[in-house]
Amino acid sequence: MKILKVLIVLCSLSLLSSSFADDDYEEHYEKNHIYRSLKYLDLKKEQNTKIRDILIEYKKDYQKYLDLLYSKRLNLQKIMQSETFDKEKYIKISNEINMYFIEIEADKFNKIHGVLTPKQRVKFSYFLGEKHSD
């Protein structure tokens, strides 16, 4: 019986510690992901700060996009559940979702473009090609 209690405690501690490890990894990844991704650009301190600010702003815009996406998906679900399928309305809502994302993405890249040197822009353009070909 004592062995069973010990095993239960060890299993509980193991599960508990692994859940903390995941949280630590996510926090570490989110904080350092930006800098790891752009390290190859050899940014100056001022550029790094500007790009960090751009990406922080983008993160807020992206959250707005996710909110929009959620609300619009509810509308798409209603269209699908209705007696008749309204193709034009479905296309219109889908285009609104896509255009909003394209606009915030283009805004982000426009701002980053203004911070980078011509040489860094070339390097960054190759990174974008690799990232989008996955």
C-alpha atoms as a PDB file:
ATOM      1  CA  MET A   1       0.000   0.000   0.000  1.00  0.00           C
ATOM      2  CA  LYS A   2       2.880   2.341   0.809  1.00  0.00           C
ATOM      3  CA  ILE A   3       4.454   1.610  -2.547  1.00  0.00           C
ATOM      4  CA  LEU A   4       1.201   2.497  -4.299  1.00  0.00           C
ATOM      5  CA  LYS A   5       1.038   5.826  -2.451  1.00  0.00           C
ATOM      6  CA  VAL A   6       4.633   6.580  -3.355  1.00  0.00           C
ATOM      7  CA  LEU A   7       3.970   5.761  -7.020  1.00  0.00           C
ATOM      8  CA  ILE A   8       0.886   7.993  -7.062  1.00  0.00           C
ATOM      9  CA  VAL A   9       2.854  10.875  -5.535  1.00  0.00           C
ATOM     10  CA  LEU A  10       5.715  10.396  -8.020  1.00  0.00           C
ATOM     11  CA  CYS A  11       3.329  10.275 -10.977  1.00  0.00           C
ATOM     12  CA  SER A  12       1.557  13.396  -9.750  1.00  0.00           C
ATOM     13  CA  LEU A  13       4.834  15.252  -9.344  1.00  0.00           C
ATOM     14  CA  SER A  14       5.961  14.121 -12.770  1.00  0.00           C
ATOM     15  CA  LEU A  15       2.785  15.386 -14.421  1.00  0.00           C
ATOM     16  CA  LEU A  16       2.908  18.619 -12.464  1.00  0.00           C
ATOM     17  CA  SER A  17       6.530  19.325 -13.358  1.00  0.00           C
ATOM     18  CA  SER A  18       5.941  18.614 -17.053  1.00  0.00           C
ATOM     19  CA  SER A  19       3.078  21.096 -17.152  1.00  0.00           C
ATOM     20  CA  PHE A  20       5.355  23.783 -15.690  1.00  0.00           C
ATOM     21  CA  ALA A  21       8.065  22.897 -18.191  1.00  0.00           C
ATOM     22  CA  ASP A  22       5.657  23.474 -21.092  1.00  0.00           C
ATOM     23  CA  ASP A  23       4.665  26.892 -19.726  1.00  0.00           C
ATOM     24  CA  ASP A  24       8.309  27.889 -19.313  1.00  0.00           C
ATOM     25  CA  TYR A  25       9.098  26.747 -22.849  1.00  0.00           C
ATOM     26  CA  GLU A  26       6.205  28.725 -24.336  1.00  0.00           C
ATOM     27  CA  GLU A  27       7.180  31.881 -22.426  1.00  0.00           C
ATOM     28  CA  HIS A  28      10.800  31.492 -23.466  1.00  0.00           C
ATOM     29  CA  TYR A  29       9.853  30.756 -27.084  1.00  0.00           C
ATOM     30  CA  GLU A  30       7.496  33.745 -27.348  1.00  0.00           C
ATOM     31  CA  LYS A  31      10.034  36.136 -25.834  1.00  0.00           C
ATOM     32  CA  ASN A  32      12.970  34.986 -27.964  1.00  0.00           C
ATOM     33  CA  HIS A  33      11.335  33.816 -31.181  1.00  0.00           C
ATOM     34  CA  ILE A  34      11.427  37.243 -32.823  1.00  0.00           C
ATOM     35  CA  TYR A  35      15.120  37.686 -32.209  1.00  0.00           C
ATOM     36  CA  ARG A  36      16.092  34.187 -33.249  1.00  0.00           C
ATOM     37  CA  SER A  37      14.204  34.562 -36.498  1.00  0.00           C
ATOM     38  CA  LEU A  38      15.864  37.843 -37.448  1.00  0.00           C
ATOM     39  CA  LYS A  39      19.331  37.165 -36.063  1.00  0.00           C
ATOM     40  CA  TYR A  40      20.699  36.470 -39.537  1.00  0.00           C
ATOM     41  CA  LEU A  41      19.999  40.122 -40.489  1.00  0.00           C
ATOM     42  CA  ASP A  42      22.637  41.472 -38.068  1.00  0.00           C
ATOM     43  CA  LEU A  43      20.339  44.266 -36.934  1.00  0.00           C
ATOM     44  CA  LYS A  44      21.719  47.296 -35.143  1.00  0.00           C
ATOM     45  CA  LYS A  45      20.321  48.016 -31.704  1.00  0.00           C
ATOM     46  CA  GLU A  46      18.046  50.791 -33.008  1.00  0.00           C
ATOM     47  CA  GLN A  47      16.725  48.572 -35.815  1.00  0.00           C
ATOM     48  CA  ASN A  48      16.126  45.758 -33.363  1.00  0.00           C
ATOM     49  CA  THR A  49      14.100  48.060 -31.107  1.00  0.00           C
ATOM     50  CA  LYS A  50      12.037  49.407 -34.015  1.00  0.00           C
ATOM     51  CA  ILE A  51      11.281  45.941 -35.363  1.00  0.00           C
ATOM     52  CA  ARG A  52      10.394  44.697 -31.899  1.00  0.00           C
ATOM     53  CA  ASP A  53       7.908  47.582 -31.588  1.00  0.00           C
ATOM     54  CA  ILE A  54       6.488  46.808 -35.037  1.00  0.00           C
ATOM     55  CA  LEU A  55       5.996  43.159 -34.093  1.00  0.00           C
ATOM     56  CA  ILE A  56       4.380  44.068 -30.774  1.00  0.00           C
ATOM     57  CA  GLU A  57       1.927  46.288 -32.658  1.00  0.00           C
ATOM     58  CA  TYR A  58       1.381  43.489 -35.183  1.00  0.00           C
ATOM     59  CA  LYS A  59       0.583  41.082 -32.362  1.00  0.00           C
ATOM     60  CA  LYS A  60      -2.195  43.428 -31.209  1.00  0.00           C
ATOM     61  CA  ASP A  61      -3.510  43.750 -34.767  1.00  0.00           C
ATOM     62  CA  TYR A  62      -3.352  39.978 -35.154  1.00  0.00           C
ATOM     63  CA  GLN A  63      -5.473  39.557 -32.022  1.00  0.00           C
ATOM     64  CA  LYS A  64      -8.063  41.856 -33.613  1.00  0.00           C
ATOM     65  CA  TYR A  65      -7.885  39.655 -36.703  1.00  0.00           C
ATOM     66  CA  LEU A  66      -8.537  36.555 -34.608  1.00  0.00           C
ATOM     67  CA  ASP A  67     -11.539  38.261 -33.006  1.00  0.00           C
ATOM     68  CA  LEU A  68     -12.854  39.174 -36.457  1.00  0.00           C
ATOM     69  CA  LEU A  69     -12.189  35.660 -37.710  1.00  0.00           C
ATOM     70  CA  TYR A  70     -14.151  34.146 -34.842  1.00  0.00           C
ATOM     71  CA  SER A  71     -17.162  36.408 -35.367  1.00  0.00           C
ATOM     72  CA  LYS A  72     -17.124  35.959 -39.148  1.00  0.00           C
ATOM     73  CA  ARG A  73     -16.841  32.189 -38.841  1.00  0.00           C
ATOM     74  CA  LEU A  74     -20.041  32.252 -36.824  1.00  0.00           C
ATOM     75  CA  ASN A  75     -21.663  34.043 -39.767  1.00  0.00           C
ATOM     76  CA  LEU A  76     -20.268  31.436 -42.160  1.00  0.00           C
ATOM     77  CA  GLN A  77     -21.686  28.693 -39.972  1.00  0.00           C
ATOM     78  CA  LYS A  78     -25.104  30.348 -40.085  1.00  0.00           C
ATOM     79  CA  ILE A  79     -24.929  30.505 -43.865  1.00  0.00           C
ATOM     80  CA  MET A  80     -24.080  26.829 -44.001  1.00  0.00           C
ATOM     81  CA  GLN A  81     -26.891  25.923 -41.592  1.00  0.00           C
ATOM     82  CA  SER A  82     -29.555  27.883 -43.423  1.00  0.00           C
ATOM     83  CA  GLU A  83     -32.067  26.279 -45.793  1.00  0.00           C
ATOM     84  CA  THR A  84     -30.433  27.876 -48.828  1.00  0.00           C
ATOM     85  CA  PHE A  85     -26.743  28.512 -49.332  1.00  0.00           C
ATOM     86  CA  ASP A  86     -25.965  32.171 -50.081  1.00  0.00           C
ATOM     87  CA  LYS A  87     -22.825  31.845 -52.179  1.00  0.00           C
ATOM     88  CA  GLU A  88     -22.301  35.597 -52.657  1.00  0.00           C
ATOM     89  CA  LYS A  89     -22.584  36.301 -48.946  1.00  0.00           C
ATOM     90  CA  TYR A  90     -20.187  33.435 -48.175  1.00  0.00           C
ATOM     91  CA  ILE A  91     -17.637  34.798 -50.648  1.00  0.00           C
ATOM     92  CA  LYS A  92     -18.038  38.340 -49.315  1.00  0.00           C
ATOM     93  CA  ILE A  93     -17.427  37.282 -45.702  1.00  0.00           C
ATOM     94  CA  SER A  94     -14.490  35.052 -46.669  1.00  0.00           C
ATOM     95  CA  ASN A  95     -12.935  37.900 -48.629  1.00  0.00           C
ATOM     96  CA  GLU A  96     -13.360  40.274 -45.660  1.00  0.00           C
ATOM     97  CA  ILE A  97     -11.469  37.835 -43.461  1.00  0.00           C
ATOM     98  CA  ASN A  98      -8.680  37.344 -46.001  1.00  0.00           C
ATOM     99  CA  MET A  99      -8.355  41.041 -46.843  1.00  0.00           C
ATOM    100  CA  TYR A 100      -8.099  42.032 -43.183  1.00  0.00           C
ATOM    101  CA  PHE A 101      -5.255  39.563 -42.698  1.00  0.00           C
ATOM    102  CA  ILE A 102      -3.494  40.679 -45.881  1.00  0.00           C
ATOM    103  CA  GLU A 103      -3.760  44.323 -44.809  1.00  0.00           C
ATOM    104  CA  ILE A 104      -2.216  43.808 -41.365  1.00  0.00           C
ATOM    105  CA  GLU A 105       0.475  41.559 -42.845  1.00  0.00           C
ATOM    106  CA  ALA A 106       1.305  44.108 -45.573  1.00  0.00           C
ATOM    107  CA  ASP A 107       1.341  46.907 -43.000  1.00  0.00           C
ATOM    108  CA  LYS A 108       3.818  44.948 -40.889  1.00  0.00           C
ATOM    109  CA  PHE A 109       6.102  44.252 -43.853  1.00  0.00           C
ATOM    110  CA  ASN A 110       5.877  47.859 -45.036  1.00  0.00           C
ATOM    111  CA  LYS A 111       7.084  49.064 -41.638  1.00  0.00           C
ATOM    112  CA  ILE A 112       9.843  46.445 -41.442  1.00  0.00           C
ATOM    113  CA  HIS A 113      10.929  47.338 -44.987  1.00  0.00           C
ATOM    114  CA  GLY A 114      11.429  50.931 -43.858  1.00  0.00           C
ATOM    115  CA  VAL A 115      13.755  49.849 -41.042  1.00  0.00           C
ATOM    116  CA  LEU A 116      15.995  47.482 -43.027  1.00  0.00           C
ATOM    117  CA  THR A 117      18.963  48.392 -45.202  1.00  0.00           C
ATOM    118  CA  PRO A 118      18.896  47.297 -48.872  1.00  0.00           C
ATOM    119  CA  LYS A 119      21.215  44.361 -48.090  1.00  0.00           C
ATOM    120  CA  GLN A 120      19.034  43.276 -45.149  1.00  0.00           C
ATOM    121  CA  ARG A 121      15.926  43.500 -47.353  1.00  0.00           C
ATOM    122  CA  VAL A 122      17.439  40.994 -49.763  1.00  0.00           C
ATOM    123  CA  LYS A 123      18.228  38.578 -46.916  1.00  0.00           C
ATOM    124  CA  PHE A 124      14.773  39.086 -45.440  1.00  0.00           C
ATOM    125  CA  SER A 125      13.098  38.420 -48.794  1.00  0.00           C
ATOM    126  CA  TYR A 126      14.798  34.996 -48.986  1.00  0.00           C
ATOM    127  CA  PHE A 127      13.612  34.236 -45.462  1.00  0.00           C
ATOM    128  CA  LEU A 128      10.038  35.051 -46.498  1.00  0.00           C
ATOM    129  CA  GLY A 129      10.302  32.707 -49.463  1.00  0.00           C
ATOM    130  CA  GLU A 130      11.485  29.865 -47.235  1.00  0.00           C
ATOM    131  CA  LYS A 131       8.853  30.571 -44.606  1.00  0.00           C
ATOM    132  CA  HIS A 132       5.940  30.579 -47.057  1.00  0.00           C
ATOM    133  CA  SER A 133       7.073  27.520 -48.993  1.00  0.00           C
ATOM    134  CA  ASP A 134       6.622  25.218 -45.951  1.00  0.00           C
END
